[in-house]
Amino acid sequence: MLELRPTSPATAESHAILSEYFALRAQEFPGGTYTTVFPRPEAFEAPAGVFLLAGPEGAPVGCGGIRRLEDSDAGIRYEVKHLFLKPGTRGQGWGRAILDELERRAREWDAAELVLDTHHTLEAAGGLYARSGFARIDAYNDNRNATRWYRKTL
């Protein structure tokens, strides 16, 4: 079973996995124009959000977080951020496990919806979001790294 641990995105362990994620995205990103933005730790402190490391302490294999955005017409809204698994660990359902735990926490904080953005080249991620009940929506932000936006009503 995958261990999911809440922590600050500012810890050395979190910074290392995020750095690996951002380096991989920059390497694969079309046109070489990926913009790296490390998360603000305060945005991922309960109940404003949470940042999870996946895997044993000292050896995370992935991460993911949610942060609260301005409420929408539907009510309280959280955004999924930095959902990542190291390439060698993919295909085991762990991305779904992280996403499910983030959704559980958002529901615990009375969220009405989850939103996220991604890039169309991340086909496996898009498939995960669709299988998890997310539907494509119009852009809700101006993230230069994103080409697709999704929403799930909770």
Protein backbone atom coordinates (compact mmCIF):
# COMPACT_ATOMS: atom_id res chain seq x y z
CA MET A 1 0.00 0.00 0.00
CA LEU A 2 1.25 3.47 -0.86
CA GLU A 3 2.07 5.70 2.10
CA LEU A 4 0.77 9.28 1.74
CA ARG A 5 2.25 11.83 4.12
CA PRO A 6 1.17 15.47 4.51
CA THR A 7 4.12 17.83 4.67
CA SER A 8 5.19 21.29 3.63
CA PRO A 9 6.31 21.78 0.03
CA ALA A 10 9.24 23.70 1.54
CA THR A 11 10.94 20.67 3.13
CA ALA A 12 14.12 19.34 1.55
CA GLU A 13 12.34 16.09 0.69
CA SER A 14 9.46 17.93 -1.01
CA HIS A 15 11.81 20.27 -2.83
CA ALA A 16 13.76 17.29 -4.20
CA ILE A 17 10.71 15.52 -5.65
CA LEU A 18 9.32 18.80 -7.03
CA SER A 19 12.69 19.57 -8.61
CA GLU A 20 12.67 16.15 -10.28
CA TYR A 21 9.12 16.76 -11.51
CA PHE A 22 9.91 20.23 -12.88
CA ALA A 23 13.12 19.03 -14.57
CA LEU A 24 11.24 16.21 -16.30
CA ARG A 25 8.47 18.58 -17.44
CA ALA A 26 11.02 21.09 -18.75
CA GLN A 27 12.84 18.33 -20.66
CA GLU A 28 9.62 17.03 -22.28
CA PHE A 29 7.76 20.32 -22.73
CA PRO A 30 7.11 21.32 -26.36
CA GLY A 31 9.22 24.27 -27.46
CA GLY A 32 11.31 24.27 -24.30
CA THR A 33 9.17 26.98 -22.71
CA TYR A 34 8.12 25.31 -19.45
CA THR A 35 7.91 27.77 -16.56
CA THR A 36 8.90 26.40 -13.14
CA VAL A 37 7.04 27.81 -10.15
CA PHE A 38 7.68 26.24 -6.76
CA PRO A 39 4.57 26.27 -4.56
CA ARG A 40 4.12 28.77 -1.75
CA PRO A 41 4.12 26.68 1.46
CA GLU A 42 1.33 28.69 3.13
CA ALA A 43 -1.05 27.79 0.28
CA PHE A 44 -0.75 24.14 1.31
CA GLU A 45 -1.43 24.46 5.05
CA ALA A 46 -4.77 23.10 6.29
CA PRO A 47 -7.48 24.13 5.70
CA ALA A 48 -6.13 26.28 2.86
CA GLY A 49 -4.66 23.14 1.35
CA VAL A 50 -2.41 20.14 1.78
CA PHE A 51 0.73 18.83 0.11
CA LEU A 52 1.29 15.06 0.13
CA LEU A 53 4.43 13.06 -0.41
CA ALA A 54 3.89 9.53 -1.67
CA GLY A 55 6.21 6.80 -0.49
CA PRO A 56 8.31 6.10 2.56
CA GLU A 57 10.04 8.87 4.48
CA GLY A 58 13.37 9.65 2.87
CA ALA A 59 12.39 8.03 -0.44
CA PRO A 60 9.28 9.67 -1.92
CA VAL A 61 8.10 8.38 -5.29
CA GLY A 62 5.60 11.15 -5.96
CA CYS A 63 3.59 14.05 -4.69
CA GLY A 64 0.44 16.08 -5.09
CA GLY A 65 -1.45 18.85 -3.41
CA ILE A 66 -4.58 20.91 -3.29
CA ARG A 67 -4.91 24.59 -2.53
CA ARG A 68 -8.00 26.67 -1.99
CA LEU A 69 -8.93 29.12 -4.70
CA GLU A 70 -11.48 31.89 -4.64
CA ASP A 71 -14.95 30.40 -4.28
CA SER A 72 -16.90 29.82 -7.47
CA ASP A 73 -20.65 30.04 -8.05
CA ALA A 74 -20.77 26.40 -6.93
CA GLY A 75 -19.09 27.20 -3.59
CA ILE A 76 -15.74 26.28 -2.07
CA ARG A 77 -13.18 25.40 -4.73
CA TYR A 78 -9.79 23.70 -4.46
CA GLU A 79 -7.18 23.25 -7.17
CA VAL A 80 -5.13 20.08 -7.67
CA LYS A 81 -1.44 20.93 -8.10
CA HIS A 82 1.81 19.07 -8.79
CA LEU A 83 0.41 15.55 -9.12
CA PHE A 84 3.51 13.56 -10.01
CA LEU A 85 4.94 10.06 -9.84
CA LYS A 86 8.45 9.06 -10.80
CA PRO A 87 8.33 7.34 -14.21
CA GLY A 88 9.39 3.94 -12.88
CA THR A 89 6.49 3.85 -10.40
CA ARG A 90 3.66 4.62 -12.79
CA GLY A 91 0.94 2.16 -13.81
CA GLN A 92 0.27 0.84 -10.30
CA GLY A 93 -2.74 3.00 -9.47
CA TRP A 94 -0.72 5.30 -7.25
CA GLY A 95 -1.68 8.46 -9.15
CA ARG A 96 -5.31 7.57 -8.53
CA ALA A 97 -4.52 6.95 -4.85
CA ILE A 98 -2.99 10.41 -4.48
CA LEU A 99 -5.87 12.05 -6.34
CA ASP A 100 -8.45 10.15 -4.25
CA GLU A 101 -6.79 11.29 -1.02
CA LEU A 102 -6.67 14.90 -2.20
CA GLU A 103 -10.36 14.70 -3.08
CA ARG A 104 -11.17 13.17 0.31
CA ARG A 105 -9.45 16.06 2.06
CA ALA A 106 -11.21 18.65 -0.12
CA ARG A 107 -14.56 17.06 0.75
CA GLU A 108 -13.57 17.13 4.43
CA TRP A 109 -13.15 20.91 4.05
CA ASP A 110 -16.61 21.22 2.44
CA ALA A 111 -15.37 21.77 -1.10
CA ALA A 112 -18.02 21.96 -3.80
CA GLU A 113 -15.57 21.38 -6.62
CA LEU A 114 -12.01 20.51 -7.61
CA VAL A 115 -10.32 22.09 -10.62
CA LEU A 116 -6.97 21.52 -12.26
CA ASP A 117 -4.95 22.42 -15.30
CA THR A 118 -2.62 20.26 -17.36
CA HIS A 119 -0.93 20.05 -20.73
CA HIS A 120 -2.38 18.01 -23.59
CA THR A 121 0.89 16.07 -23.96
CA LEU A 122 0.30 14.48 -20.55
CA GLU A 123 -2.09 11.91 -21.98
CA ALA A 124 -1.95 9.50 -19.03
CA ALA A 125 -2.80 12.34 -16.65
CA GLY A 126 -5.72 13.40 -18.84
CA GLY A 127 -6.97 9.82 -18.82
CA LEU A 128 -6.69 9.63 -15.04
CA TYR A 129 -8.67 12.84 -14.63
CA ALA A 130 -11.41 11.67 -17.01
CA ARG A 131 -11.68 8.26 -15.26
CA SER A 132 -11.84 10.10 -11.91
CA GLY A 133 -14.88 12.14 -12.94
CA PHE A 134 -13.26 15.37 -14.10
CA ALA A 135 -14.75 17.10 -17.15
CA ARG A 136 -13.01 19.54 -19.49
CA ILE A 137 -13.87 23.20 -18.92
CA ASP A 138 -12.80 26.58 -20.22
CA ALA A 139 -9.60 28.03 -18.79
CA TYR A 140 -9.99 29.33 -15.24
CA ASN A 141 -6.44 30.71 -15.05
CA ASP A 142 -3.64 31.97 -17.28
CA ASN A 143 -1.09 29.19 -16.63
CA ARG A 144 1.29 29.27 -19.62
CA ASN A 145 2.15 25.60 -19.04
CA ALA A 146 -1.49 24.49 -19.45
CA THR A 147 -3.54 23.71 -22.52
CA ARG A 148 -6.42 21.88 -20.80
CA TRP A 149 -8.53 22.63 -17.75
CA TYR A 150 -10.76 20.26 -15.79
CA ARG A 151 -13.43 20.41 -13.09
CA LYS A 152 -15.13 17.89 -10.82
CA THR A 153 -18.24 18.63 -8.80
CA LEU A 154 -18.04 17.08 -5.33
